[in-house]
Every structure is written in structure tokens, then in C-alpha cells.
Amino acid sequence: RDALNIYSGNDDQIVPLMALGGKGVISVLSNIAPQYTHDLCAKWLAGDTQGSLAMQLQALPLCRALFADVKPPTARGPMTFLAWKAAPCRLPLVEPSDAVKEKIKAAMQDFGLLK
């Protein structure tokens, strides 16, 4: 039980990994929806598997948008959409394309993070 703790590295697979015994997630989603990501995991750990699964399913479109390009640039843009300070990318990382930024912004709006 304590020999090896496994955490999801993909936000679209938090619940499936926890169903297999995983302990949580190292998350891109948590950069822009920290309480939501916490609550998703907390529900699972508290035994509310259906509530956790519902949250996972609701977040899937946003997770897909956040993973539309390499990370961390896809996490920095959404943080700036929320008017949070995020340092610009340093080489070798580059900003995502405008198309990816728009996809993320639309997913954030649909999720309720932006008006």
C-alpha cells in the first residue's frame, strides 16, 4: 500500500487512475480550476465515486483543450485569461498557436471559468 504511490499525469484520466488505486493527480487543470480539481479527488477519496465521476466527465472538454498542445504553455495562457500573473514562456517553449488559445478560451467559457 505505501510502497508505490501513483498519480495521474493526465487530467482526463484522474478518476480512471484512482479507480485502479491511484492517489491523485499532477494536474494542468488545477492551475486554472484548483478547487474543482481538489474536490474531484476529495470526492473519490471520500467514497463519492459517482460525484467524482460526474465532475471528471464535466471537465473532459476543458481537459482536452488544455492538452491540445504541449504543456506548460497551455497552462500559462488560461491563467492570463483569468487575469492571473503568469510569466511568459522561455525558450525552448513557445506560446501555443492562436487557434489553440481560442480553443482553450472557448472551453473555459463552456466550463464556466470565463464569461
PDB file of N, CA and C in Angstrom:
ATOM      1  N   ARG A   1       0.817  -1.197   0.000  1.00  0.00           N
ATOM      2  CA  ARG A   1       0.000   0.000   0.000  1.00  0.00           C
ATOM      3  C   ARG A   1       0.859   1.259   0.000  1.00  0.00           C
ATOM      4  N   ASP A   2       1.877   1.326   0.798  1.00  0.00           N
ATOM      5  CA  ASP A   2       2.717   2.522   0.863  1.00  0.00           C
ATOM      6  C   ASP A   2       3.984   2.396   0.028  1.00  0.00           C
ATOM      7  N   ALA A   3       4.167   1.278  -0.656  1.00  0.00           N
ATOM      8  CA  ALA A   3       5.393   1.058  -1.401  1.00  0.00           C
ATOM      9  C   ALA A   3       5.497   1.954  -2.625  1.00  0.00           C
ATOM     10  N   LEU A   4       4.388   2.194  -3.287  1.00  0.00           N
ATOM     11  CA  LEU A   4       4.425   2.984  -4.507  1.00  0.00           C
ATOM     12  C   LEU A   4       3.112   3.736  -4.658  1.00  0.00           C
ATOM     13  N   ASN A   5       3.182   5.041  -4.638  1.00  0.00           N
ATOM     14  CA  ASN A   5       2.012   5.870  -4.860  1.00  0.00           C
ATOM     15  C   ASN A   5       2.019   6.335  -6.302  1.00  0.00           C
ATOM     16  N   ILE A   6       0.884   6.171  -6.991  1.00  0.00           N
ATOM     17  CA  ILE A   6       0.784   6.536  -8.394  1.00  0.00           C
ATOM     18  C   ILE A   6      -0.205   7.680  -8.526  1.00  0.00           C
ATOM     19  N   TYR A   7       0.187   8.688  -9.295  1.00  0.00           N
ATOM     20  CA  TYR A   7      -0.639   9.854  -9.557  1.00  0.00           C
ATOM     21  C   TYR A   7      -0.845   9.974 -11.058  1.00  0.00           C
ATOM     22  N   SER A   8      -2.035  10.378 -11.448  1.00  0.00           N
ATOM     23  CA  SER A   8      -2.316  10.590 -12.859  1.00  0.00           C
ATOM     24  C   SER A   8      -1.535  11.809 -13.351  1.00  0.00           C
ATOM     25  N   GLY A   9      -1.039  11.732 -14.551  1.00  0.00           N
ATOM     26  CA  GLY A   9      -0.397  12.873 -15.187  1.00  0.00           C
ATOM     27  C   GLY A   9      -1.274  13.448 -16.282  1.00  0.00           C
ATOM     28  N   ASN A  10      -2.434  12.843 -16.463  1.00  0.00           N
ATOM     29  CA  ASN A  10      -3.391  13.282 -17.484  1.00  0.00           C
ATOM     30  C   ASN A  10      -4.690  13.639 -16.793  1.00  0.00           C
ATOM     31  N   ASP A  11      -5.106  14.891 -16.947  1.00  0.00           N
ATOM     32  CA  ASP A  11      -6.306  15.352 -16.263  1.00  0.00           C
ATOM     33  C   ASP A  11      -7.574  14.651 -16.732  1.00  0.00           C
ATOM     34  N   ASP A  12      -7.574  14.095 -17.919  1.00  0.00           N
ATOM     35  CA  ASP A  12      -8.758  13.388 -18.401  1.00  0.00           C
ATOM     36  C   ASP A  12      -8.834  11.961 -17.863  1.00  0.00           C
ATOM     37  N   GLN A  13      -7.855  11.574 -17.061  1.00  0.00           N
ATOM     38  CA  GLN A  13      -7.811  10.202 -16.544  1.00  0.00           C
ATOM     39  C   GLN A  13      -7.675  10.146 -15.025  1.00  0.00           C
ATOM     40  N   ILE A  14      -8.092  11.203 -14.329  1.00  0.00           N
ATOM     41  CA  ILE A  14      -7.976  11.222 -12.871  1.00  0.00           C
ATOM     42  C   ILE A  14      -8.802  10.101 -12.254  1.00  0.00           C
ATOM     43  N   VAL A  15     -10.086  10.066 -12.557  1.00  0.00           N
ATOM     44  CA  VAL A  15     -10.970   9.060 -11.957  1.00  0.00           C
ATOM     45  C   VAL A  15     -10.591   7.643 -12.394  1.00  0.00           C
ATOM     46  N   PRO A  16     -10.331   7.397 -13.674  1.00  0.00           N
ATOM     47  CA  PRO A  16      -9.927   6.034 -14.033  1.00  0.00           C
ATOM     48  C   PRO A  16      -8.677   5.570 -13.278  1.00  0.00           C
ATOM     49  N   LEU A  17      -7.702   6.453 -13.111  1.00  0.00           N
ATOM     50  CA  LEU A  17      -6.494   6.053 -12.398  1.00  0.00           C
ATOM     51  C   LEU A  17      -6.781   5.820 -10.916  1.00  0.00           C
ATOM     52  N   MET A  18      -7.602   6.686 -10.320  1.00  0.00           N
ATOM     53  CA  MET A  18      -7.927   6.499  -8.904  1.00  0.00           C
ATOM     54  C   MET A  18      -8.744   5.220  -8.707  1.00  0.00           C
ATOM     55  N   ALA A  19      -9.549   4.847  -9.698  1.00  0.00           N
ATOM     56  CA  ALA A  19     -10.310   3.598  -9.621  1.00  0.00           C
ATOM     57  C   ALA A  19      -9.381   2.387  -9.592  1.00  0.00           C
ATOM     58  N   LEU A  20      -8.189   2.567 -10.131  1.00  0.00           N
ATOM     59  CA  LEU A  20      -7.199   1.486 -10.131  1.00  0.00           C
ATOM     60  C   LEU A  20      -6.253   1.570  -8.939  1.00  0.00           C
ATOM     61  N   GLY A  21      -6.528   2.509  -8.007  1.00  0.00           N
ATOM     62  CA  GLY A  21      -5.701   2.615  -6.809  1.00  0.00           C
ATOM     63  C   GLY A  21      -4.797   3.825  -6.771  1.00  0.00           C
ATOM     64  N   GLY A  22      -4.848   4.674  -7.792  1.00  0.00           N
ATOM     65  CA  GLY A  22      -4.025   5.877  -7.795  1.00  0.00           C
ATOM     66  C   GLY A  22      -4.402   6.800  -6.649  1.00  0.00           C
ATOM     67  N   LYS A  23      -3.487   7.675  -6.302  1.00  0.00           N
ATOM     68  CA  LYS A  23      -3.665   8.559  -5.145  1.00  0.00           C
ATOM     69  C   LYS A  23      -4.148   9.956  -5.504  1.00  0.00           C
ATOM     70  N   GLY A  24      -4.056  10.373  -6.762  1.00  0.00           N
ATOM     71  CA  GLY A  24      -4.454  11.720  -7.141  1.00  0.00           C
ATOM     72  C   GLY A  24      -3.896  12.076  -8.503  1.00  0.00           C
ATOM     73  N   VAL A  25      -3.569  13.369  -8.682  1.00  0.00           N
ATOM     74  CA  VAL A  25      -3.157  13.851  -9.997  1.00  0.00           C
ATOM     75  C   VAL A  25      -2.106  14.945  -9.867  1.00  0.00           C
ATOM     76  N   ILE A  26      -1.187  14.962 -10.791  1.00  0.00           N
ATOM     77  CA  ILE A  26      -0.294  16.093 -11.018  1.00  0.00           C
ATOM     78  C   ILE A  26      -0.915  16.785 -12.217  1.00  0.00           C
ATOM     79  N   SER A  27      -1.485  17.965 -11.993  1.00  0.00           N
ATOM     80  CA  SER A  27      -2.525  18.461 -12.865  1.00  0.00           C
ATOM     81  C   SER A  27      -2.235  19.786 -13.548  1.00  0.00           C
ATOM     82  N   VAL A  28      -2.612  19.871 -14.820  1.00  0.00           N
ATOM     83  CA  VAL A  28      -2.645  21.131 -15.551  1.00  0.00           C
ATOM     84  C   VAL A  28      -3.950  21.855 -15.207  1.00  0.00           C
ATOM     85  N   LEU A  29      -5.039  21.106 -15.156  1.00  0.00           N
ATOM     86  CA  LEU A  29      -6.344  21.668 -14.826  1.00  0.00           C
ATOM     87  C   LEU A  29      -6.313  22.440 -13.509  1.00  0.00           C
ATOM     88  N   SER A  30      -5.550  21.949 -12.550  1.00  0.00           N
ATOM     89  CA  SER A  30      -5.522  22.591 -11.227  1.00  0.00           C
ATOM     90  C   SER A  30      -4.904  23.986 -11.268  1.00  0.00           C
ATOM     91  N   ASN A  31      -4.208  24.310 -12.334  1.00  0.00           N
ATOM     92  CA  ASN A  31      -3.657  25.661 -12.473  1.00  0.00           C
ATOM     93  C   ASN A  31      -4.749  26.699 -12.690  1.00  0.00           C
ATOM     94  N   ILE A  32      -5.863  26.288 -13.278  1.00  0.00           N
ATOM     95  CA  ILE A  32      -6.935  27.251 -13.550  1.00  0.00           C
ATOM     96  C   ILE A  32      -8.227  26.918 -12.801  1.00  0.00           C
ATOM     97  N   ALA A  33      -8.338  25.700 -12.302  1.00  0.00           N
ATOM     98  CA  ALA A  33      -9.509  25.291 -11.523  1.00  0.00           C
ATOM     99  C   ALA A  33      -9.041  24.473 -10.315  1.00  0.00           C
ATOM    100  N   PRO A  34      -8.272  25.112  -9.421  1.00  0.00           N
ATOM    101  CA  PRO A  34      -7.689  24.357  -8.310  1.00  0.00           C
ATOM    102  C   PRO A  34      -8.718  23.739  -7.368  1.00  0.00           C
ATOM    103  N   GLN A  35      -9.740  24.485  -6.994  1.00  0.00           N
ATOM    104  CA  GLN A  35     -10.737  23.941  -6.067  1.00  0.00           C
ATOM    105  C   GLN A  35     -11.513  22.798  -6.711  1.00  0.00           C
ATOM    106  N   TYR A  36     -11.830  22.961  -7.981  1.00  0.00           N
ATOM    107  CA  TYR A  36     -12.561  21.928  -8.713  1.00  0.00           C
ATOM    108  C   TYR A  36     -11.749  20.631  -8.737  1.00  0.00           C
ATOM    109  N   THR A  37     -10.472  20.746  -9.068  1.00  0.00           N
ATOM    110  CA  THR A  37      -9.608  19.568  -9.149  1.00  0.00           C
ATOM    111  C   THR A  37      -9.478  18.916  -7.779  1.00  0.00           C
ATOM    112  N   HIS A  38      -9.313  19.728  -6.752  1.00  0.00           N
ATOM    113  CA  HIS A  38      -9.249  19.211  -5.382  1.00  0.00           C
ATOM    114  C   HIS A  38     -10.530  18.455  -5.039  1.00  0.00           C
ATOM    115  N   ASP A  39     -11.671  19.081  -5.322  1.00  0.00           N
ATOM    116  CA  ASP A  39     -12.947  18.478  -4.965  1.00  0.00           C
ATOM    117  C   ASP A  39     -13.191  17.176  -5.718  1.00  0.00           C
ATOM    118  N   LEU A  40     -12.779  17.127  -6.975  1.00  0.00           N
ATOM    119  CA  LEU A  40     -12.915  15.906  -7.763  1.00  0.00           C
ATOM    120  C   LEU A  40     -12.188  14.757  -7.071  1.00  0.00           C
ATOM    121  N   CYS A  41     -10.951  15.004  -6.649  1.00  0.00           N
ATOM    122  CA  CYS A  41     -10.162  13.966  -5.963  1.00  0.00           C
ATOM    123  C   CYS A  41     -10.717  13.683  -4.576  1.00  0.00           C
ATOM    124  N   ALA A  42     -11.095  14.718  -3.844  1.00  0.00           N
ATOM    125  CA  ALA A  42     -11.610  14.546  -2.482  1.00  0.00           C
ATOM    126  C   ALA A  42     -12.887  13.715  -2.482  1.00  0.00           C
ATOM    127  N   LYS A  43     -13.752  13.951  -3.459  1.00  0.00           N
ATOM    128  CA  LYS A  43     -14.981  13.158  -3.552  1.00  0.00           C
ATOM    129  C   LYS A  43     -14.645  11.677  -3.721  1.00  0.00           C
ATOM    130  N   TRP A  44     -13.694  11.396  -4.607  1.00  0.00           N
ATOM    131  CA  TRP A  44     -13.320   9.992  -4.816  1.00  0.00           C
ATOM    132  C   TRP A  44     -12.788   9.394  -3.518  1.00  0.00           C
ATOM    133  N   LEU A  45     -11.875  10.081  -2.878  1.00  0.00           N
ATOM    134  CA  LEU A  45     -11.252   9.564  -1.660  1.00  0.00           C
ATOM    135  C   LEU A  45     -12.253   9.416  -0.512  1.00  0.00           C
ATOM    136  N   ALA A  46     -13.326  10.219  -0.530  1.00  0.00           N
ATOM    137  CA  ALA A  46     -14.358  10.138   0.498  1.00  0.00           C
ATOM    138  C   ALA A  46     -15.411   9.075   0.178  1.00  0.00           C
ATOM    139  N   GLY A  47     -15.264   8.424  -0.974  1.00  0.00           N
ATOM    140  CA  GLY A  47     -16.204   7.377  -1.349  1.00  0.00           C
ATOM    141  C   GLY A  47     -17.339   7.824  -2.247  1.00  0.00           C
ATOM    142  N   ASP A  48     -17.361   9.095  -2.619  1.00  0.00           N
ATOM    143  CA  ASP A  48     -18.398   9.598  -3.529  1.00  0.00           C
ATOM    144  C   ASP A  48     -17.909   9.412  -4.964  1.00  0.00           C
ATOM    145  N   THR A  49     -17.859   8.158  -5.383  1.00  0.00           N
ATOM    146  CA  THR A  49     -17.314   7.849  -6.706  1.00  0.00           C
ATOM    147  C   THR A  49     -18.183   8.414  -7.820  1.00  0.00           C
ATOM    148  N   GLN A  50     -19.501   8.399  -7.633  1.00  0.00           N
ATOM    149  CA  GLN A  50     -20.394   8.932  -8.666  1.00  0.00           C
ATOM    150  C   GLN A  50     -20.230  10.445  -8.800  1.00  0.00           C
ATOM    151  N   GLY A  51     -20.095  11.145  -7.679  1.00  0.00           N
ATOM    152  CA  GLY A  51     -19.878  12.591  -7.722  1.00  0.00           C
ATOM    153  C   GLY A  51     -18.560  12.937  -8.389  1.00  0.00           C
ATOM    154  N   SER A  52     -17.530  12.172  -8.052  1.00  0.00           N
ATOM    155  CA  SER A  52     -16.215  12.383  -8.654  1.00  0.00           C
ATOM    156  C   SER A  52     -16.253  12.116 -10.154  1.00  0.00           C
ATOM    157  N   LEU A  53     -16.911  11.033 -10.529  1.00  0.00           N
ATOM    158  CA  LEU A  53     -17.029  10.698 -11.951  1.00  0.00           C
ATOM    159  C   LEU A  53     -17.794  11.777 -12.706  1.00  0.00           C
ATOM    160  N   ALA A  54     -18.863  12.298 -12.118  1.00  0.00           N
ATOM    161  CA  ALA A  54     -19.630  13.364 -12.774  1.00  0.00           C
ATOM    162  C   ALA A  54     -18.753  14.588 -12.997  1.00  0.00           C
ATOM    163  N   MET A  55     -17.930  14.925 -12.013  1.00  0.00           N
ATOM    164  CA  MET A  55     -17.025  16.068 -12.163  1.00  0.00           C
ATOM    165  C   MET A  55     -15.992  15.791 -13.257  1.00  0.00           C
ATOM    166  N   GLN A  56     -15.462  14.564 -13.292  1.00  0.00           N
ATOM    167  CA  GLN A  56     -14.483  14.200 -14.319  1.00  0.00           C
ATOM    168  C   GLN A  56     -15.084  14.353 -15.705  1.00  0.00           C
ATOM    169  N   LEU A  57     -16.288  13.845 -15.879  1.00  0.00           N
ATOM    170  CA  LEU A  57     -16.945  13.932 -17.183  1.00  0.00           C
ATOM    171  C   LEU A  57     -17.234  15.377 -17.575  1.00  0.00           C
ATOM    172  N   GLN A  58     -17.631  16.203 -16.619  1.00  0.00           N
ATOM    173  CA  GLN A  58     -17.900  17.620 -16.908  1.00  0.00           C
ATOM    174  C   GLN A  58     -16.623  18.340 -17.345  1.00  0.00           C
ATOM    175  N   ALA A  59     -15.497  17.947 -16.802  1.00  0.00           N
ATOM    176  CA  ALA A  59     -14.221  18.617 -17.097  1.00  0.00           C
ATOM    177  C   ALA A  59     -13.548  18.109 -18.374  1.00  0.00           C
ATOM    178  N   LEU A  60     -14.024  17.022 -18.951  1.00  0.00           N
ATOM    179  CA  LEU A  60     -13.337  16.431 -20.113  1.00  0.00           C
ATOM    180  C   LEU A  60     -13.115  17.398 -21.275  1.00  0.00           C
ATOM    181  N   PRO A  61     -14.105  18.177 -21.704  1.00  0.00           N
ATOM    182  CA  PRO A  61     -13.830  19.090 -22.818  1.00  0.00           C
ATOM    183  C   PRO A  61     -12.726  20.105 -22.488  1.00  0.00           C
ATOM    184  N   LEU A  62     -12.715  20.613 -21.276  1.00  0.00           N
ATOM    185  CA  LEU A  62     -11.662  21.549 -20.879  1.00  0.00           C
ATOM    186  C   LEU A  62     -10.315  20.838 -20.815  1.00  0.00           C
ATOM    187  N   CYS A  63     -10.293  19.633 -20.288  1.00  0.00           N
ATOM    188  CA  CYS A  63      -9.034  18.865 -20.235  1.00  0.00           C
ATOM    189  C   CYS A  63      -8.486  18.628 -21.637  1.00  0.00           C
ATOM    190  N   ARG A  64      -9.357  18.275 -22.549  1.00  0.00           N
ATOM    191  CA  ARG A  64      -8.915  18.042 -23.935  1.00  0.00           C
ATOM    192  C   ARG A  64      -8.323  19.314 -24.541  1.00  0.00           C
ATOM    193  N   ALA A  65      -8.961  20.443 -24.266  1.00  0.00           N
ATOM    194  CA  ALA A  65      -8.447  21.718 -24.787  1.00  0.00           C
ATOM    195  C   ALA A  65      -7.088  22.046 -24.169  1.00  0.00           C
ATOM    196  N   LEU A  66      -6.957  21.811 -22.870  1.00  0.00           N
ATOM    197  CA  LEU A  66      -5.692  22.115 -22.195  1.00  0.00           C
ATOM    198  C   LEU A  66      -4.543  21.242 -22.694  1.00  0.00           C
ATOM    199  N   PHE A  67      -4.881  20.068 -23.193  1.00  0.00           N
ATOM    200  CA  PHE A  67      -3.854  19.155 -23.687  1.00  0.00           C
ATOM    201  C   PHE A  67      -3.753  19.186 -25.219  1.00  0.00           C
ATOM    202  N   ALA A  68      -4.315  20.234 -25.832  1.00  0.00           N
ATOM    203  CA  ALA A  68      -4.287  20.352 -27.295  1.00  0.00           C
ATOM    204  C   ALA A  68      -2.893  20.695 -27.812  1.00  0.00           C
ATOM    205  N   ASP A  69      -2.023  21.107 -26.932  1.00  0.00           N
ATOM    206  CA  ASP A  69      -0.649  21.469 -27.297  1.00  0.00           C
ATOM    207  C   ASP A  69       0.236  21.033 -26.135  1.00  0.00           C
ATOM    208  N   VAL A  70       1.538  21.211 -26.282  1.00  0.00           N
ATOM    209  CA  VAL A  70       2.434  20.810 -25.204  1.00  0.00           C
ATOM    210  C   VAL A  70       2.241  21.693 -23.977  1.00  0.00           C
ATOM    211  N   LYS A  71       2.493  21.138 -22.807  1.00  0.00           N
ATOM    212  CA  LYS A  71       2.398  21.889 -21.566  1.00  0.00           C
ATOM    213  C   LYS A  71       3.808  22.334 -21.191  1.00  0.00           C
ATOM    214  N   PRO A  72       4.075  23.352 -20.438  1.00  0.00           N
ATOM    215  CA  PRO A  72       3.178  24.224 -19.697  1.00  0.00           C
ATOM    216  C   PRO A  72       2.624  25.418 -20.468  1.00  0.00           C
ATOM    217  N   PRO A  73       2.989  25.647 -21.709  1.00  0.00           N
ATOM    218  CA  PRO A  73       2.398  26.819 -22.371  1.00  0.00           C
ATOM    219  C   PRO A  73       0.875  26.809 -22.384  1.00  0.00           C
ATOM    220  N   THR A  74       0.253  25.624 -22.459  1.00  0.00           N
ATOM    221  CA  THR A  74      -1.197  25.605 -22.465  1.00  0.00           C
ATOM    222  C   THR A  74      -1.777  25.939 -21.096  1.00  0.00           C
ATOM    223  N   ALA A  75      -0.988  25.886 -20.053  1.00  0.00           N
ATOM    224  CA  ALA A  75      -1.468  26.288 -18.714  1.00  0.00           C
ATOM    225  C   ALA A  75      -1.267  27.780 -18.486  1.00  0.00           C
ATOM    226  N   ARG A  76      -0.251  28.349 -19.079  1.00  0.00           N
ATOM    227  CA  ARG A  76       0.032  29.771 -18.859  1.00  0.00           C
ATOM    228  C   ARG A  76      -1.007  30.673 -19.518  1.00  0.00           C
ATOM    229  N   GLY A  77      -1.414  30.347 -20.718  1.00  0.00           N
ATOM    230  CA  GLY A  77      -2.415  31.149 -21.412  1.00  0.00           C
ATOM    231  C   GLY A  77      -3.714  31.252 -20.635  1.00  0.00           C
ATOM    232  N   PRO A  78      -4.262  30.107 -20.199  1.00  0.00           N
ATOM    233  CA  PRO A  78      -5.501  30.180 -19.436  1.00  0.00           C
ATOM    234  C   PRO A  78      -5.366  30.998 -18.148  1.00  0.00           C
ATOM    235  N   MET A  79      -4.206  30.958 -17.538  1.00  0.00           N
ATOM    236  CA  MET A  79      -4.004  31.757 -16.329  1.00  0.00           C
ATOM    237  C   MET A  79      -4.102  33.242 -16.666  1.00  0.00           C
ATOM    238  N   THR A  80      -3.589  33.635 -17.821  1.00  0.00           N
ATOM    239  CA  THR A  80      -3.683  35.046 -18.211  1.00  0.00           C
ATOM    240  C   THR A  80      -5.117  35.402 -18.615  1.00  0.00           C
ATOM    241  N   PHE A  81      -5.870  34.441 -19.164  1.00  0.00           N
ATOM    242  CA  PHE A  81      -7.281  34.697 -19.477  1.00  0.00           C
ATOM    243  C   PHE A  81      -8.055  35.038 -18.209  1.00  0.00           C
ATOM    244  N   LEU A  82      -7.618  34.476 -17.085  1.00  0.00           N
ATOM    245  CA  LEU A  82      -8.256  34.727 -15.793  1.00  0.00           C
ATOM    246  C   LEU A  82      -7.694  35.965 -15.101  1.00  0.00           C
ATOM    247  N   ALA A  83      -6.809  36.688 -15.786  1.00  0.00           N
ATOM    248  CA  ALA A  83      -6.138  37.884 -15.266  1.00  0.00           C
ATOM    249  C   ALA A  83      -5.204  37.547 -14.108  1.00  0.00           C
ATOM    250  N   TRP A  84      -4.667  36.318 -14.103  1.00  0.00           N
ATOM    251  CA  TRP A  84      -3.657  35.931 -13.132  1.00  0.00           C
ATOM    252  C   TRP A  84      -2.298  36.166 -13.753  1.00  0.00           C
ATOM    253  N   LYS A  85      -1.332  36.478 -12.946  1.00  0.00           N
ATOM    254  CA  LYS A  85       0.011  36.705 -13.462  1.00  0.00           C
ATOM    255  C   LYS A  85       0.675  35.362 -13.770  1.00  0.00           C
ATOM    256  N   ALA A  86       1.151  35.243 -14.970  1.00  0.00           N
ATOM    257  CA  ALA A  86       1.890  34.063 -15.402  1.00  0.00           C
ATOM    258  C   ALA A  86       3.043  34.557 -16.262  1.00  0.00           C
ATOM    259  N   ALA A  87       4.215  34.114 -15.930  1.00  0.00           N
ATOM    260  CA  ALA A  87       5.395  34.536 -16.681  1.00  0.00           C
ATOM    261  C   ALA A  87       5.306  34.040 -18.120  1.00  0.00           C
ATOM    262  N   PRO A  88       5.851  34.805 -19.050  1.00  0.00           N
ATOM    263  CA  PRO A  88       5.856  34.329 -20.439  1.00  0.00           C
ATOM    264  C   PRO A  88       6.759  33.094 -20.577  1.00  0.00           C
ATOM    265  N   CYS A  89       6.522  32.352 -21.619  1.00  0.00           N
ATOM    266  CA  CYS A  89       7.331  31.163 -21.872  1.00  0.00           C
ATOM    267  C   CYS A  89       8.769  31.550 -22.190  1.00  0.00           C
ATOM    268  N   ARG A  90       9.672  30.696 -21.766  1.00  0.00           N
ATOM    269  CA  ARG A  90      11.082  30.860 -22.120  1.00  0.00           C
ATOM    270  C   ARG A  90      11.465  29.733 -23.072  1.00  0.00           C
ATOM    271  N   LEU A  91      12.355  30.030 -23.985  1.00  0.00           N
ATOM    272  CA  LEU A  91      12.817  29.002 -24.912  1.00  0.00           C
ATOM    273  C   LEU A  91      13.415  27.850 -24.126  1.00  0.00           C
ATOM    274  N   PRO A  92      13.187  26.645 -24.561  1.00  0.00           N
ATOM    275  CA  PRO A  92      12.708  26.206 -25.867  1.00  0.00           C
ATOM    276  C   PRO A  92      11.182  26.161 -25.980  1.00  0.00           C
ATOM    277  N   LEU A  93      10.449  26.517 -24.913  1.00  0.00           N
ATOM    278  CA  LEU A  93       8.993  26.535 -25.000  1.00  0.00           C
ATOM    279  C   LEU A  93       8.530  27.762 -25.754  1.00  0.00           C
ATOM    280  N   VAL A  94       7.431  27.617 -26.451  1.00  0.00           N
ATOM    281  CA  VAL A  94       6.841  28.741 -27.178  1.00  0.00           C
ATOM    282  C   VAL A  94       5.351  28.776 -26.872  1.00  0.00           C
ATOM    283  N   GLU A  95       4.751  29.924 -27.096  1.00  0.00           N
ATOM    284  CA  GLU A  95       3.323  30.089 -26.870  1.00  0.00           C
ATOM    285  C   GLU A  95       2.543  29.182 -27.821  1.00  0.00           C
ATOM    286  N   PRO A  96       1.394  28.691 -27.374  1.00  0.00           N
ATOM    287  CA  PRO A  96       0.551  27.927 -28.291  1.00  0.00           C
ATOM    288  C   PRO A  96       0.046  28.821 -29.426  1.00  0.00           C
ATOM    289  N   SER A  97      -0.375  28.203 -30.483  1.00  0.00           N
ATOM    290  CA  SER A  97      -0.921  28.955 -31.616  1.00  0.00           C
ATOM    291  C   SER A  97      -2.192  29.682 -31.192  1.00  0.00           C
ATOM    292  N   ASP A  98      -2.575  30.684 -31.978  1.00  0.00           N
ATOM    293  CA  ASP A  98      -3.818  31.414 -31.701  1.00  0.00           C
ATOM    294  C   ASP A  98      -5.020  30.471 -31.738  1.00  0.00           C
ATOM    295  N   ALA A  99      -4.989  29.495 -32.622  1.00  0.00           N
ATOM    296  CA  ALA A  99      -6.095  28.542 -32.725  1.00  0.00           C
ATOM    297  C   ALA A  99      -6.236  27.728 -31.432  1.00  0.00           C
ATOM    298  N   VAL A 100      -5.121  27.304 -30.879  1.00  0.00           N
ATOM    299  CA  VAL A 100      -5.157  26.543 -29.623  1.00  0.00           C
ATOM    300  C   VAL A 100      -5.615  27.446 -28.480  1.00  0.00           C
ATOM    301  N   LYS A 101      -5.138  28.684 -28.461  1.00  0.00           N
ATOM    302  CA  LYS A 101      -5.572  29.625 -27.414  1.00  0.00           C
ATOM    303  C   LYS A 101      -7.079  29.835 -27.474  1.00  0.00           C
ATOM    304  N   GLU A 102      -7.624  29.977 -28.674  1.00  0.00           N
ATOM    305  CA  GLU A 102      -9.063  30.175 -28.823  1.00  0.00           C
ATOM    306  C   GLU A 102      -9.842  28.934 -28.401  1.00  0.00           C
ATOM    307  N   LYS A 103      -9.300  27.768 -28.711  1.00  0.00           N
ATOM    308  CA  LYS A 103      -9.938  26.518 -28.298  1.00  0.00           C
ATOM    309  C   LYS A 103      -9.993  26.430 -26.771  1.00  0.00           C
ATOM    310  N   ILE A 104      -8.906  26.800 -26.118  1.00  0.00           N
ATOM    311  CA  ILE A 104      -8.852  26.775 -24.653  1.00  0.00           C
ATOM    312  C   ILE A 104      -9.811  27.807 -24.070  1.00  0.00           C
ATOM    313  N   LYS A 105      -9.804  29.004 -24.644  1.00  0.00           N
ATOM    314  CA  LYS A 105     -10.692  30.061 -24.147  1.00  0.00           C
ATOM    315  C   LYS A 105     -12.161  29.637 -24.274  1.00  0.00           C
ATOM    316  N   ALA A 106     -12.528  29.037 -25.384  1.00  0.00           N
ATOM    317  CA  ALA A 106     -13.907  28.578 -25.573  1.00  0.00           C
ATOM    318  C   ALA A 106     -14.257  27.492 -24.559  1.00  0.00           C
ATOM    319  N   ALA A 107     -13.334  26.568 -24.319  1.00  0.00           N
ATOM    320  CA  ALA A 107     -13.584  25.505 -23.345  1.00  0.00           C
ATOM    321  C   ALA A 107     -13.705  26.073 -21.930  1.00  0.00           C
ATOM    322  N   MET A 108     -12.917  27.092 -21.619  1.00  0.00           N
ATOM    323  CA  MET A 108     -13.012  27.742 -20.315  1.00  0.00           C
ATOM    324  C   MET A 108     -14.365  28.426 -20.156  1.00  0.00           C
ATOM    325  N   GLN A 109     -14.852  29.046 -21.224  1.00  0.00           N
ATOM    326  CA  GLN A 109     -16.168  29.685 -21.183  1.00  0.00           C
ATOM    327  C   GLN A 109     -17.266  28.633 -20.974  1.00  0.00           C
ATOM    328  N   ASP A 110     -17.197  27.542 -21.709  1.00  0.00           N
ATOM    329  CA  ASP A 110     -18.192  26.484 -21.583  1.00  0.00           C
ATOM    330  C   ASP A 110     -18.173  25.872 -20.179  1.00  0.00           C
ATOM    331  N   PHE A 111     -17.004  25.816 -19.572  1.00  0.00           N
ATOM    332  CA  PHE A 111     -16.834  25.232 -18.232  1.00  0.00           C
ATOM    333  C   PHE A 111     -17.295  26.203 -17.142  1.00  0.00           C
ATOM    334  N   GLY A 112     -17.410  27.483 -17.514  1.00  0.00           N
ATOM    335  CA  GLY A 112     -17.864  28.483 -16.559  1.00  0.00           C
ATOM    336  C   GLY A 112     -16.760  29.278 -15.886  1.00  0.00           C
ATOM    337  N   LEU A 113     -15.542  29.145 -16.393  1.00  0.00           N
ATOM    338  CA  LEU A 113     -14.424  29.895 -15.815  1.00  0.00           C
ATOM    339  C   LEU A 113     -14.332  31.323 -16.361  1.00  0.00           C
ATOM    340  N   LEU A 114     -14.867  31.535 -17.557  1.00  0.00           N
ATOM    341  CA  LEU A 114     -14.847  32.856 -18.192  1.00  0.00           C
ATOM    342  C   LEU A 114     -16.262  33.221 -18.604  1.00  0.00           C
ATOM    343  N   LYS A 115     -16.512  34.517 -18.645  1.00  0.00           N
ATOM    344  CA  LYS A 115     -17.825  34.989 -19.104  1.00  0.00           C
ATOM    345  C   LYS A 115     -17.751  35.399 -20.547  1.00  0.00           C
TER     346      LYS A 115
END
